[in-house]
Amino acid sequence: MENFRCHLKWSIRGTYVHVNAKHLNPYLDEQAYRYHERVGTDADRFVKAVKSVAGKRLTDRQLTDNHGPGGHAANCCRSSFLD
């Protein structure tokens, strides 16, 4: 457990700099995945990732469909960067 906590702190300080407590769960999930997948090679992890998406499709329409009164999903994220 101590090793996991050290990796988590290192990742937040080195990669993300600051993590909002509201969004902590996705960061913890990512670190748990990285910790459990630390054995094996990059090639092993790549093959596993490719196998997990084989036969699945993500279309442009799925990415840009309306998400409520705010408009398109792609535009709602971009507007915060432009304002």
Protein backbone atom coordinates (compact mmCIF):
# COMPACT_ATOMS: atom_id res chain seq x y z
CA MET A 1 0.00 0.00 0.00
CA GLU A 2 2.84 2.37 0.80
CA ASN A 3 4.34 1.79 -2.65
CA PHE A 4 1.00 2.60 -4.33
CA ARG A 5 0.67 5.80 -2.30
CA CYS A 6 4.18 6.91 -3.26
CA HIS A 7 3.42 6.30 -6.95
CA LEU A 8 0.17 8.23 -6.64
CA LYS A 9 1.84 11.23 -4.97
CA TRP A 10 4.65 11.17 -7.54
CA SER A 11 2.15 11.10 -10.40
CA ILE A 12 0.05 13.96 -9.05
CA ARG A 13 3.06 16.15 -8.29
CA GLY A 14 4.93 15.30 -11.49
CA THR A 15 2.19 14.94 -14.08
CA TYR A 16 -0.99 16.59 -12.92
CA VAL A 17 0.45 19.16 -10.45
CA HIS A 18 -2.97 19.62 -8.81
CA VAL A 19 -5.98 17.32 -8.52
CA ASN A 20 -9.39 18.57 -7.50
CA ALA A 21 -10.99 16.33 -4.86
CA LYS A 22 -14.17 16.33 -6.96
CA HIS A 23 -12.29 14.50 -9.76
CA LEU A 24 -10.08 12.30 -7.60
CA ASN A 25 -11.74 8.97 -8.51
CA PRO A 26 -10.60 8.92 -12.18
CA TYR A 27 -7.02 9.69 -11.09
CA LEU A 28 -7.14 6.88 -8.53
CA ASP A 29 -8.58 4.49 -11.12
CA GLU A 30 -5.80 5.34 -13.56
CA GLN A 31 -3.11 4.84 -10.93
CA ALA A 32 -4.65 1.55 -9.78
CA TYR A 33 -4.63 0.34 -13.39
CA ARG A 34 -1.01 1.41 -13.84
CA TYR A 35 0.00 -0.23 -10.56
CA HIS A 36 -1.65 -3.55 -11.44
CA GLU A 37 -0.27 -3.51 -14.98
CA ARG A 38 3.31 -2.67 -13.98
CA VAL A 39 4.49 -6.20 -14.74
CA GLY A 40 4.95 -7.11 -18.37
CA THR A 41 6.26 -5.09 -21.27
CA ASP A 42 4.88 -2.13 -23.17
CA ALA A 43 4.12 -4.54 -26.01
CA ASP A 44 2.00 -6.70 -23.67
CA ARG A 45 0.02 -3.66 -22.53
CA PHE A 46 -0.43 -2.48 -26.12
CA VAL A 47 -1.77 -5.87 -27.25
CA LYS A 48 -4.16 -5.94 -24.30
CA ALA A 49 -5.45 -2.45 -25.16
CA VAL A 50 -5.93 -3.32 -28.84
CA LYS A 51 -7.81 -6.50 -27.94
CA SER A 52 -10.13 -4.54 -25.65
CA VAL A 53 -11.24 -2.23 -28.47
CA ALA A 54 -11.39 -4.79 -31.30
CA GLY A 55 -14.83 -4.85 -32.88
CA LYS A 56 -15.99 -1.67 -31.13
CA ARG A 57 -16.82 1.53 -32.95
CA LEU A 58 -16.95 5.16 -31.88
CA THR A 59 -18.47 7.37 -34.55
CA ASP A 60 -18.16 11.09 -35.06
CA ARG A 61 -21.90 11.40 -34.40
CA GLN A 62 -21.49 9.79 -30.96
CA LEU A 63 -18.81 12.32 -30.10
CA THR A 64 -20.73 15.36 -31.33
CA ASP A 65 -24.37 14.56 -30.51
CA ASN A 66 -26.25 17.16 -28.48
CA HIS A 67 -25.87 16.80 -24.75
CA GLY A 68 -28.79 18.85 -23.48
CA PRO A 69 -29.50 22.54 -23.95
CA GLY A 70 -25.79 23.46 -23.95
CA GLY A 71 -25.27 22.17 -27.49
CA HIS A 72 -22.61 19.85 -28.83
CA ALA A 73 -20.29 18.03 -26.45
CA ALA A 74 -17.21 19.11 -28.41
CA ASN A 75 -18.22 22.76 -28.26
CA CYS A 76 -19.06 22.77 -24.54
CA CYS A 77 -15.50 21.76 -23.68
CA ARG A 78 -13.85 24.16 -26.12
CA SER A 79 -15.80 27.19 -24.96
CA SER A 80 -14.29 27.07 -21.46
CA PHE A 81 -10.80 27.29 -22.97
CA LEU A 82 -11.71 30.20 -25.19
CA ASP A 83 -13.43 32.34 -22.53
